[in-house]
Protein backbone atom coordinates (compact mmCIF):
# COMPACT_ATOMS: atom_id res chain seq x y z
CA MET A 1 7.90 19.30 3.96
CA LYS A 2 8.44 19.10 0.19
CA LEU A 3 10.19 16.00 -0.96
CA ASN A 4 10.46 17.03 -4.58
CA GLU A 5 8.73 19.37 -7.06
CA ARG A 6 5.36 17.35 -6.90
CA PHE A 7 5.15 15.43 -3.54
CA ALA A 8 5.20 16.44 0.16
CA LEU A 9 5.96 14.19 3.20
CA GLN A 10 2.38 14.47 4.42
CA GLU A 11 1.20 12.69 1.27
CA TYR A 12 3.12 9.61 2.31
CA VAL A 13 2.39 9.29 6.09
CA PRO A 14 -0.80 9.21 8.00
CA LYS A 15 -1.79 12.12 10.13
CA SER A 16 -0.79 10.37 13.46
CA VAL A 17 2.72 9.72 12.21
CA PHE A 18 3.23 13.19 10.95
CA GLN A 19 1.91 14.73 14.33
CA LYS A 20 4.20 12.39 16.37
CA HIS A 21 7.42 12.78 14.31
CA GLY A 22 6.96 15.82 12.05
CA GLU A 23 9.52 16.17 9.38
CA ARG A 24 11.55 13.27 10.96
CA ALA A 25 8.96 10.91 9.53
CA VAL A 26 10.72 11.14 6.21
CA ARG A 27 12.97 8.35 7.62
CA PHE A 28 10.06 5.86 7.36
CA ILE A 29 9.61 6.36 3.59
CA SER A 30 11.59 4.74 0.79
CA THR A 31 13.43 7.25 -1.29
CA ALA A 32 13.10 4.81 -4.29
CA LEU A 33 9.28 5.05 -3.81
CA ILE A 34 9.44 8.75 -3.86
CA GLU A 35 11.51 8.75 -6.99
CA ALA A 36 9.42 6.01 -8.63
CA ASP A 37 6.13 7.97 -7.90
CA LEU A 38 7.54 11.17 -9.42
CA GLN A 39 8.82 9.46 -12.55
CA LEU A 40 5.45 7.65 -13.06
CA LEU A 41 3.63 10.98 -12.91
CA LYS A 42 6.00 12.48 -15.35
CA ASP A 43 5.71 9.57 -17.66
CA LEU A 44 1.94 9.78 -17.53
CA GLU A 45 1.97 13.45 -18.36
CA GLU A 46 4.29 12.79 -21.36
CA ASP A 47 2.11 9.89 -22.61
CA TYR A 48 -1.07 11.73 -22.30
CA GLY A 49 0.35 15.14 -23.31
CA ARG A 50 -1.35 17.07 -20.46
CA GLU A 51 -0.97 17.87 -16.67
CA ILE A 52 -1.89 15.20 -14.26
CA SER A 53 -2.49 15.42 -10.55
CA CYS A 54 -1.68 12.43 -8.25
CA THR A 55 -3.20 11.95 -4.87
CA ILE A 56 -1.75 9.60 -2.25
CA ASN A 57 -2.85 10.97 1.08
CA ASN A 58 -4.74 14.25 1.17
CA TRP A 59 -5.55 14.62 4.93
CA SER A 60 -3.27 17.76 5.23
CA PHE A 61 -5.40 19.49 2.54
CA GLY A 62 -8.72 18.63 4.46
CA GLY A 63 -9.22 15.40 2.42
CA ASP A 64 -10.05 11.95 3.80
CA ARG A 65 -7.25 9.80 2.53
CA GLN A 66 -4.52 9.15 5.13
CA TYR A 67 -3.81 5.38 4.77
CA SER A 68 -2.59 5.22 1.05
CA GLY A 69 1.18 5.39 1.91
CA LEU A 70 2.86 4.29 5.20
CA ARG A 71 0.59 2.04 7.29
CA VAL A 72 1.54 1.43 10.89
CA GLN A 73 0.33 -0.89 13.51
CA GLY A 74 -2.95 0.23 15.30
CA GLU A 75 -4.29 1.97 12.30
CA PRO A 76 -6.61 0.65 9.56
CA TYR A 77 -5.16 -1.48 6.64
CA PHE A 78 -1.97 -2.34 8.58
CA LYS A 79 -0.42 -5.80 7.60
CA GLU A 80 2.79 -6.49 9.18
CA HIS A 81 4.66 -7.63 6.02
CA SER A 82 3.20 -5.46 3.43
CA MET A 83 5.29 -3.01 1.42
CA HIS A 84 3.02 -0.23 2.86
CA SER A 85 4.18 -1.02 6.44
CA MET A 86 7.83 -0.81 5.18
CA GLY A 87 7.18 2.70 3.66
CA SER A 88 7.84 1.16 0.12
CA ALA A 89 4.34 1.46 -1.45
CA SER A 90 1.71 4.02 -2.14
CA ASP A 91 -1.91 3.76 -3.57
CA LYS A 92 -2.29 6.66 -6.06
CA LEU A 93 -5.22 8.27 -7.53
CA PHE A 94 -4.53 10.15 -10.86
CA ARG A 95 -6.66 12.80 -12.44
CA PHE A 96 -6.36 15.09 -15.39
CA LYS A 97 -5.75 18.66 -14.06
CA ASP A 98 -7.89 20.37 -16.73
CA THR A 99 -11.00 18.28 -16.35
CA GLY A 100 -10.66 16.46 -12.93
CA ALA A 101 -11.49 13.21 -14.54
CA VAL A 102 -10.02 10.05 -12.91
CA ILE A 103 -7.59 7.93 -14.89
CA PRO A 104 -8.53 4.34 -14.29
CA THR A 105 -5.72 2.42 -12.56
CA LYS A 106 -5.86 -0.27 -15.34
CA ASP A 107 -5.07 2.63 -17.89
CA VAL A 108 -2.23 3.93 -15.84
CA TYR A 109 -0.23 0.69 -15.69
CA ALA A 110 -1.08 -0.38 -19.13
CA LEU A 111 0.99 2.35 -20.82
């Protein structure tokens, strides 16, 4: 399920949550988070002057990341009072699309 032009629901929820709730899992993710992630990505592309990819969870594409968005009880990294458990945080990995080079987190948030 596409949430906007750059992100899909599966990028925000672990595989177990998507398998159990399908597209209804969207209710567990903050719309403010989705909007902020998209704006951050657009701002980075403007600042760097090139296309950037953003990976949150990539399990639906065959990758190994599935706990970088929503974290639920009984799964790794869950903490009851974290923003992740409330669907209001995501760990992001940014790369330049043309080279695949990772943009260090310290550089992302220093702009």
